[in-house]
């Protein structure tokens, strides 16, 4: 495990770093850029043949525990696509798995839990995460990458609701009935669960930042299934604490909050305190900017399915996103969700080139 002293390669008011003037970091901060930056969620994913060759068979959690392999898988899409940032290769359930909650990631299914969360007694199974002890492989991989990459590295964690949904439901869900029932029937227990998961996310993110990531994204992917009232009452307070505590420990670090189907929650999400709000493909970026409000950047939001057909279609849809983004600074181009497995990598290469050539948001003389 690396014993390197904590660094801040992304830069902050207290510790400027080598990536401060990169397009990605500048766009996250709402500053002018030489070109609109772009990266893709699920960046390596299952669409790159070199990923499949290197990753092999077996559990993704086993792969995540191998720092050299993680570094290779994280770099692959940067080398292939020329993206402006790298997303760390990991999974949102790593902290819960590392403390022994009994989480695995089933191929073709996603996170599954052998004994789902059911009562207050299960809180004892969510002890505090100690990254140096529980996830040293994450720290080592981040250290390797932050010293070798020429673009900012994005660390991440799962948002409180989304991780809780997997633990309570026992796996992926269409209706989220068990977790919704818990939220309403026992709000005290829900609060305790969410607070523990928030603490785990904070510990994980801080360890990644100390090891060298330049920005972090919180994937509260399934928060969009909640009504605005329930989100505001039962999820937003913990999410707000998460971003406030990150800012207190690592001031100035760009932070991103993303969820799917969150069109009605965008205004609330922006109040949680992230630098950037990720937008899925359902809300046009000009409308998303209005909902998010001034002072918060936006990320997105090409429909991943638009990259499955011809380049003509992908190009037209990419230009539509760029047109909706306008010229105001503070746009990071991305898909509206993760790269789909059947995506042609060549299409994504062309998307990156088009965004770099034609994106207008914030493009101009650097401040």
Protein backbone atom coordinates (compact mmCIF):
# COMPACT_ATOMS: atom_id res chain seq x y z
CA UNK A 1 0.00 0.00 0.00
CA UNK A 2 1.18 3.49 -0.76
CA UNK A 3 2.27 5.64 2.15
CA UNK A 4 2.43 8.84 0.12
CA UNK A 5 1.40 12.01 1.92
CA UNK A 6 -2.02 13.41 1.02
CA UNK A 7 -1.98 15.59 -2.08
CA UNK A 8 -4.45 17.78 -3.91
CA UNK A 9 -3.67 17.36 -7.61
CA UNK A 10 -7.02 18.81 -8.61
CA UNK A 11 -6.18 22.03 -6.88
CA UNK A 12 -8.03 24.09 -4.31
CA UNK A 13 -7.89 27.49 -2.73
CA UNK A 14 -5.50 26.08 -0.15
CA UNK A 15 -3.44 23.73 -2.32
CA UNK A 16 -3.31 24.55 -6.02
CA UNK A 17 -2.58 21.50 -8.15
CA UNK A 18 -1.30 20.57 -11.55
CA UNK A 19 -4.79 20.01 -12.99
CA UNK A 20 -6.21 23.42 -12.04
CA UNK A 21 -6.08 24.72 -15.62
CA UNK A 22 -7.37 21.59 -17.33
CA UNK A 23 -10.66 21.95 -19.20
CA UNK A 24 -12.47 19.50 -16.91
CA UNK A 25 -11.56 21.20 -13.64
CA UNK A 26 -12.18 24.65 -15.07
CA UNK A 27 -15.59 23.68 -16.44
CA UNK A 28 -16.58 22.18 -13.08
CA UNK A 29 -15.75 25.55 -11.54
CA UNK A 30 -17.71 27.49 -14.15
CA UNK A 31 -14.58 29.02 -15.70
CA UNK A 32 -13.76 29.55 -19.35
CA UNK A 33 -12.16 26.65 -21.20
CA UNK A 34 -10.16 26.07 -24.41
CA UNK A 35 -12.72 23.40 -25.38
CA UNK A 36 -15.71 21.73 -23.79
CA UNK A 37 -14.41 18.77 -21.75
CA UNK A 38 -15.88 15.31 -22.07
CA UNK A 39 -15.77 12.00 -20.24
CA UNK A 40 -18.16 9.05 -20.11
CA UNK A 41 -19.82 7.36 -17.16
CA UNK A 42 -19.04 3.66 -17.06
CA UNK A 43 -16.11 4.81 -19.14
CA UNK A 44 -14.33 1.52 -19.69
CA UNK A 45 -17.36 -0.64 -19.00
CA UNK A 46 -17.97 -3.64 -21.16
CA UNK A 47 -17.75 -1.90 -24.52
CA UNK A 48 -13.97 -1.89 -24.96
CA UNK A 49 -12.41 -5.13 -26.23
CA UNK A 50 -9.20 -4.29 -24.39
CA UNK A 51 -11.23 -4.04 -21.18
CA UNK A 52 -12.72 -7.48 -21.66
CA UNK A 53 -9.31 -8.94 -22.43
CA UNK A 54 -7.65 -7.42 -19.35
CA UNK A 55 -10.53 -7.90 -16.94
CA UNK A 56 -11.19 -11.56 -17.69
CA UNK A 57 -13.79 -13.57 -15.79
CA UNK A 58 -14.63 -13.49 -12.11
CA UNK A 59 -16.16 -11.01 -9.72
CA UNK A 60 -15.66 -7.32 -10.35
CA UNK A 61 -14.89 -6.98 -6.63
CA UNK A 62 -11.89 -9.28 -7.13
CA UNK A 63 -10.71 -7.10 -10.02
CA UNK A 64 -11.16 -3.93 -7.95
CA UNK A 65 -8.83 -5.39 -5.31
CA UNK A 66 -5.93 -5.46 -7.83
CA UNK A 67 -4.39 -1.94 -8.02
CA UNK A 68 -2.33 -2.52 -11.17
CA UNK A 69 -5.33 -3.92 -13.02
CA UNK A 70 -7.55 -1.07 -11.81
CA UNK A 71 -4.97 1.44 -13.05
CA UNK A 72 -4.90 -0.25 -16.46
CA UNK A 73 -8.69 -0.37 -16.77
CA UNK A 74 -9.01 3.27 -15.70
CA UNK A 75 -6.47 4.42 -18.29
CA UNK A 76 -7.86 2.42 -21.22
CA UNK A 77 -10.71 4.77 -22.23
CA UNK A 78 -8.52 7.86 -21.81
CA UNK A 79 -6.02 6.33 -24.23
CA UNK A 80 -8.75 5.17 -26.63
CA UNK A 81 -11.09 8.17 -26.63
CA UNK A 82 -8.93 11.12 -25.61
CA UNK A 83 -11.29 12.09 -22.79
CA UNK A 84 -10.54 15.06 -20.55
CA UNK A 85 -10.83 13.12 -17.30
CA UNK A 86 -10.56 9.54 -16.08
CA UNK A 87 -13.16 7.91 -13.86
CA UNK A 88 -11.70 5.56 -11.28
CA UNK A 89 -12.54 1.91 -11.94
CA UNK A 90 -14.50 0.70 -8.92
CA UNK A 91 -18.07 0.15 -7.73
CA UNK A 92 -20.39 2.01 -5.37
CA UNK A 93 -20.84 -1.03 -3.10
CA UNK A 94 -17.11 -1.44 -2.38
CA UNK A 95 -17.30 0.20 1.09
CA UNK A 96 -20.27 -1.92 2.18
CA UNK A 97 -18.60 -5.06 0.86
CA UNK A 98 -15.33 -4.13 2.55
CA UNK A 99 -16.90 -3.90 6.02
CA UNK A 100 -18.43 -7.35 5.59
CA UNK A 101 -22.08 -6.60 4.91
CA UNK A 102 -22.27 -9.47 2.45
CA UNK A 103 -22.50 -7.63 -0.86
CA UNK A 104 -21.39 -9.06 -4.18
CA UNK A 105 -21.77 -7.86 -7.76
CA UNK A 106 -23.39 -10.54 -9.89
CA UNK A 107 -22.47 -10.49 -13.61
CA UNK A 108 -25.41 -9.25 -15.65
CA UNK A 109 -27.37 -8.36 -12.52
CA UNK A 110 -25.48 -5.87 -10.38
CA UNK A 111 -25.10 -5.61 -6.60
CA UNK A 112 -26.76 -8.40 -4.64
CA UNK A 113 -26.95 -8.86 -0.87
CA UNK A 114 -27.09 -12.29 0.77
CA UNK A 115 -28.85 -10.99 3.89
CA UNK A 116 -30.61 -7.69 3.16
CA UNK A 117 -31.01 -4.92 5.73
CA UNK A 118 -34.22 -5.52 7.68
CA UNK A 119 -34.00 -4.10 11.21
CA UNK A 120 -32.02 -2.00 13.66
CA UNK A 121 -29.93 -5.08 14.43
CA UNK A 122 -28.48 -4.86 10.92
CA UNK A 123 -26.91 -1.47 11.71
CA UNK A 124 -24.17 -3.37 13.53
CA UNK A 125 -23.17 -4.89 10.19
CA UNK A 126 -22.33 -1.41 8.91
CA UNK A 127 -19.36 -0.54 11.07
CA UNK A 128 -17.33 2.60 10.20
CA UNK A 129 -15.15 2.23 7.12
CA UNK A 130 -11.41 2.39 7.79
CA UNK A 131 -9.94 2.90 4.31
CA UNK A 132 -6.33 2.18 5.28
CA UNK A 133 -7.45 -1.19 6.67
CA UNK A 134 -10.55 -2.04 4.63
CA UNK A 135 -9.78 -0.66 1.16
CA UNK A 136 -6.00 -0.17 0.90
CA UNK A 137 -6.19 -1.38 -2.70
CA UNK A 138 -8.31 1.65 -3.59
CA UNK A 139 -5.75 4.00 -2.07
CA UNK A 140 -2.89 2.28 -3.86
CA UNK A 141 -4.65 2.33 -7.23
CA UNK A 142 -5.55 6.02 -6.91
CA UNK A 143 -1.96 6.81 -5.99
CA UNK A 144 -0.68 4.92 -9.04
CA UNK A 145 -3.09 6.71 -11.35
CA UNK A 146 -2.71 10.22 -9.95
CA UNK A 147 1.03 10.01 -10.55
CA UNK A 148 0.78 8.68 -14.10
CA UNK A 149 -2.31 10.25 -15.70
CA UNK A 150 -2.11 13.43 -17.75
CA UNK A 151 -5.78 14.23 -17.08
CA UNK A 152 -7.69 14.64 -13.80
CA UNK A 153 -8.82 11.49 -12.04
CA UNK A 154 -12.41 11.40 -10.76
CA UNK A 155 -13.06 9.40 -7.62
CA UNK A 156 -16.57 8.39 -6.59
CA UNK A 157 -18.92 6.91 -4.06
CA UNK A 158 -22.54 5.85 -4.00
CA UNK A 159 -25.14 8.29 -2.78
CA UNK A 160 -26.99 7.50 0.46
CA UNK A 161 -30.29 6.52 -1.09
CA UNK A 162 -28.88 4.36 -3.87
CA UNK A 163 -26.58 2.31 -1.66
CA UNK A 164 -29.37 1.95 0.89
CA UNK A 165 -31.72 0.74 -1.83
CA UNK A 166 -29.37 -2.14 -2.71
CA UNK A 167 -28.89 -3.11 0.94
CA UNK A 168 -32.61 -3.02 1.73
CA UNK A 169 -33.96 -4.49 -1.52
CA UNK A 170 -31.24 -7.13 -1.68
CA UNK A 171 -30.37 -6.22 -5.26
CA UNK A 172 -31.55 -4.12 -8.20
CA UNK A 173 -35.22 -3.17 -8.06
CA UNK A 174 -37.89 -1.83 -10.42
CA UNK A 175 -40.29 -0.49 -7.80
CA UNK A 176 -38.11 0.01 -4.69
CA UNK A 177 -41.02 -1.08 -2.52
CA UNK A 178 -39.00 -2.32 0.46
CA UNK A 179 -36.81 0.77 0.74
CA UNK A 180 -39.77 3.13 0.27
CA UNK A 181 -41.66 1.23 2.94
CA UNK A 182 -38.74 1.51 5.37
CA UNK A 183 -38.42 5.24 4.73
CA UNK A 184 -42.07 5.83 5.59
CA UNK A 185 -42.74 3.20 8.27
CA UNK A 186 -39.60 3.70 10.33
CA UNK A 187 -38.03 7.10 9.55
CA UNK A 188 -35.81 6.86 12.63
CA UNK A 189 -34.19 3.64 11.42
CA UNK A 190 -33.98 5.08 7.91
CA UNK A 191 -32.15 8.11 9.30
CA UNK A 192 -29.67 5.89 11.17
CA UNK A 193 -29.05 3.79 8.05
CA UNK A 194 -28.52 6.79 5.80
CA UNK A 195 -26.21 8.49 8.30
CA UNK A 196 -24.02 5.40 8.50
CA UNK A 197 -23.85 5.13 4.72
CA UNK A 198 -23.04 8.84 4.46
CA UNK A 199 -20.17 8.38 6.91
CA UNK A 200 -18.88 5.46 4.86
CA UNK A 201 -19.09 7.46 1.64
CA UNK A 202 -17.24 10.35 3.29
CA UNK A 203 -14.47 8.08 4.55
CA UNK A 204 -14.08 6.51 1.11
CA UNK A 205 -14.10 9.82 -0.77
CA UNK A 206 -11.66 11.46 1.63
CA UNK A 207 -9.25 8.54 1.25
CA UNK A 208 -9.44 8.87 -2.53
CA UNK A 209 -8.87 12.63 -2.34
CA UNK A 210 -5.92 12.19 0.00
CA UNK A 211 -4.45 9.63 -2.40
CA UNK A 212 -4.73 12.02 -5.34
CA UNK A 213 -8.08 12.17 -7.14
CA UNK A 214 -8.79 15.63 -8.54
CA UNK A 215 -12.59 15.58 -8.29
CA UNK A 216 -15.31 13.30 -6.96
CA UNK A 217 -18.74 12.23 -8.16
CA UNK A 218 -21.56 10.96 -5.96
CA UNK A 219 -23.73 8.47 -7.84
CA UNK A 220 -27.17 8.64 -6.26
CA UNK A 221 -28.34 6.88 -9.36
CA UNK A 222 -31.82 5.80 -8.27
CA UNK A 223 -32.88 8.89 -6.29
CA UNK A 224 -35.13 9.81 -9.22
CA UNK A 225 -37.74 7.30 -8.11
CA UNK A 226 -38.55 9.56 -5.15
CA UNK A 227 -41.01 12.43 -5.09
CA UNK A 228 -39.49 15.88 -4.45
CA UNK A 229 -41.04 15.96 -0.98
CA UNK A 230 -39.67 12.60 0.07
CA UNK A 231 -36.27 13.39 -1.41
CA UNK A 232 -36.17 16.73 0.43
CA UNK A 233 -37.21 15.21 3.74
CA UNK A 234 -35.43 11.87 3.74
CA UNK A 235 -32.39 12.08 1.44
CA UNK A 236 -31.35 15.69 0.90
CA UNK A 237 -30.18 16.36 4.50
CA UNK A 238 -27.64 13.52 4.40
CA UNK A 239 -26.54 14.46 0.88
CA UNK A 240 -26.06 18.07 1.96
CA UNK A 241 -23.93 16.95 4.90
CA UNK A 242 -21.86 14.80 2.57
CA UNK A 243 -20.94 17.74 0.33
CA UNK A 244 -20.48 20.16 3.23
CA UNK A 245 -18.07 17.81 4.97
CA UNK A 246 -16.15 17.23 1.74
CA UNK A 247 -15.80 20.98 1.25
CA UNK A 248 -14.63 21.39 4.84
CA UNK A 249 -11.93 18.72 4.52
CA UNK A 250 -10.91 19.38 0.89
CA UNK A 251 -11.94 22.97 0.07
CA UNK A 252 -12.30 23.86 -3.58
CA UNK A 253 -12.36 20.28 -4.85
CA UNK A 254 -14.89 19.92 -7.68
CA UNK A 255 -17.82 17.69 -6.71
CA UNK A 256 -20.56 16.19 -8.91
CA UNK A 257 -23.97 14.81 -7.95
CA UNK A 258 -25.72 12.52 -10.43
CA UNK A 259 -28.96 10.58 -10.56
CA UNK A 260 -31.19 9.05 -13.23
CA UNK A 261 -34.72 10.33 -13.74
CA UNK A 262 -34.08 13.29 -11.45
CA UNK A 263 -35.63 15.99 -13.63
CA UNK A 264 -38.04 17.01 -10.86
CA UNK A 265 -35.25 16.95 -8.28
CA UNK A 266 -32.60 19.05 -10.04
CA UNK A 267 -33.30 22.21 -8.09
CA UNK A 268 -33.13 20.32 -4.80
CA UNK A 269 -29.96 18.50 -5.83
CA UNK A 270 -28.22 21.78 -6.59
CA UNK A 271 -28.95 22.98 -3.04
CA UNK A 272 -27.03 20.01 -1.63
CA UNK A 273 -23.82 21.85 -2.45
CA UNK A 274 -22.14 20.10 -5.41
CA UNK A 275 -20.07 22.05 -7.93
CA UNK A 276 -21.81 20.18 -10.75
CA UNK A 277 -25.16 18.47 -11.18
CA UNK A 278 -25.27 15.56 -13.63
CA UNK A 279 -28.26 15.54 -15.98
CA UNK A 280 -29.74 12.45 -17.57
CA UNK A 281 -31.06 12.54 -21.15
CA UNK A 282 -34.68 13.31 -20.25
CA UNK A 283 -34.24 17.04 -19.56
CA UNK A 284 -32.76 19.36 -22.24
CA UNK A 285 -29.65 21.11 -20.95
CA UNK A 286 -31.04 24.60 -21.33
CA UNK A 287 -33.98 23.65 -19.12
CA UNK A 288 -31.65 21.79 -16.77
CA UNK A 289 -29.51 24.91 -16.38
CA UNK A 290 -32.64 26.85 -15.44
CA UNK A 291 -33.69 24.27 -12.85
CA UNK A 292 -30.22 23.93 -11.36
CA UNK A 293 -29.72 27.69 -11.12
CA UNK A 294 -26.77 30.02 -11.42
CA UNK A 295 -23.45 29.14 -9.88
CA UNK A 296 -23.69 25.37 -10.42
CA UNK A 297 -22.24 23.68 -13.51
CA UNK A 298 -24.05 20.94 -15.43
CA UNK A 299 -22.84 17.62 -16.81
CA UNK A 300 -24.42 15.58 -19.60
CA UNK A 301 -26.49 14.59 -21.32
CA UNK A 302 -26.45 12.53 -24.54
CA UNK A 303 -28.81 9.55 -24.46
CA UNK A 304 -26.48 6.48 -24.42
CA UNK A 305 -28.77 4.74 -26.90
CA UNK A 306 -27.98 7.41 -29.49
CA UNK A 307 -24.48 5.91 -29.74
CA UNK A 308 -25.75 2.48 -30.78
CA UNK A 309 -26.63 3.26 -34.39
CA UNK A 310 -25.05 5.31 -37.13
CA UNK A 311 -22.56 8.12 -36.68
CA UNK A 312 -25.02 10.40 -38.47
CA UNK A 313 -27.53 9.95 -35.64
CA UNK A 314 -24.92 10.22 -32.87
CA UNK A 315 -23.46 13.37 -34.41
CA UNK A 316 -26.84 15.06 -34.74
CA UNK A 317 -27.78 14.23 -31.16
CA UNK A 318 -24.38 15.36 -29.86
CA UNK A 319 -24.82 18.71 -31.62
CA UNK A 320 -28.29 19.04 -30.08
CA UNK A 321 -26.78 18.65 -26.60
CA UNK A 322 -24.09 21.23 -27.38
CA UNK A 323 -26.67 23.66 -28.75
CA UNK A 324 -28.80 23.29 -25.62
CA UNK A 325 -25.74 23.83 -23.43
CA UNK A 326 -25.24 27.22 -25.05
CA UNK A 327 -22.22 29.40 -24.46
CA UNK A 328 -22.42 29.95 -20.70
CA UNK A 329 -19.38 28.45 -18.90
CA UNK A 330 -19.87 25.38 -16.79
CA UNK A 331 -20.69 22.43 -19.05
CA UNK A 332 -18.99 19.03 -18.89
CA UNK A 333 -20.14 16.84 -21.77
CA UNK A 334 -21.15 13.31 -20.83
CA UNK A 335 -23.78 10.73 -21.55
CA UNK A 336 -27.04 10.86 -19.64
CA UNK A 337 -26.10 7.54 -18.01
CA UNK A 338 -23.41 4.90 -18.50
CA UNK A 339 -21.94 3.62 -21.75
CA UNK A 340 -24.02 0.66 -22.97
CA UNK A 341 -22.10 -2.62 -23.46
CA UNK A 342 -22.91 -2.89 -27.17
CA UNK A 343 -21.62 0.61 -27.99
CA UNK A 344 -19.10 0.86 -30.84
CA UNK A 345 -15.98 2.48 -29.35
CA UNK A 346 -15.40 4.20 -32.68
CA UNK A 347 -18.62 6.18 -32.22
CA UNK A 348 -17.46 7.42 -28.82
CA UNK A 349 -14.10 8.45 -30.30
CA UNK A 350 -15.97 10.56 -32.86
CA UNK A 351 -18.23 12.05 -30.16
CA UNK A 352 -15.19 13.24 -28.24
CA UNK A 353 -13.65 14.79 -31.35
CA UNK A 354 -16.91 16.55 -32.25
CA UNK A 355 -17.39 17.96 -28.75
CA UNK A 356 -13.83 19.25 -28.69
CA UNK A 357 -14.24 20.86 -32.11
CA UNK A 358 -17.75 22.31 -31.82
CA UNK A 359 -18.61 22.72 -28.13
CA UNK A 360 -19.12 26.40 -27.23
CA UNK A 361 -19.92 26.54 -23.50
CA UNK A 362 -17.30 28.71 -21.88
CA UNK A 363 -14.89 28.45 -24.80
CA UNK A 364 -12.73 31.55 -24.95
CA UNK A 365 -9.70 33.21 -23.46
CA UNK A 366 -8.80 31.56 -20.17
CA UNK A 367 -9.44 33.69 -17.11
